[in-house]
Amino acid sequence: MAEPITVRLTKGKETKGTFRFEAEDAEAVVTALYVRKSAFAGSAVPKTVELQLHEV
């Protein structure tokens, strides 16, 4: 099994219905992640998120 890939993303632009998190590393395997605003309903939006990709 391959080692998991971890990417740290910071909150960037905000659209009407989503928050955009952007990778600090332009060469990352994932450079942007859009999360619906409803995912954070009732809680604070984090400044940084960590995405981990692994084989299932």
Foldseek 3Di string as FASTA:
>chain_A
DDDKFKFKWFWDDDDPFWTKTATPDPPGPDGIDTDGPVVQPPHDDDGMDMDIDDDD
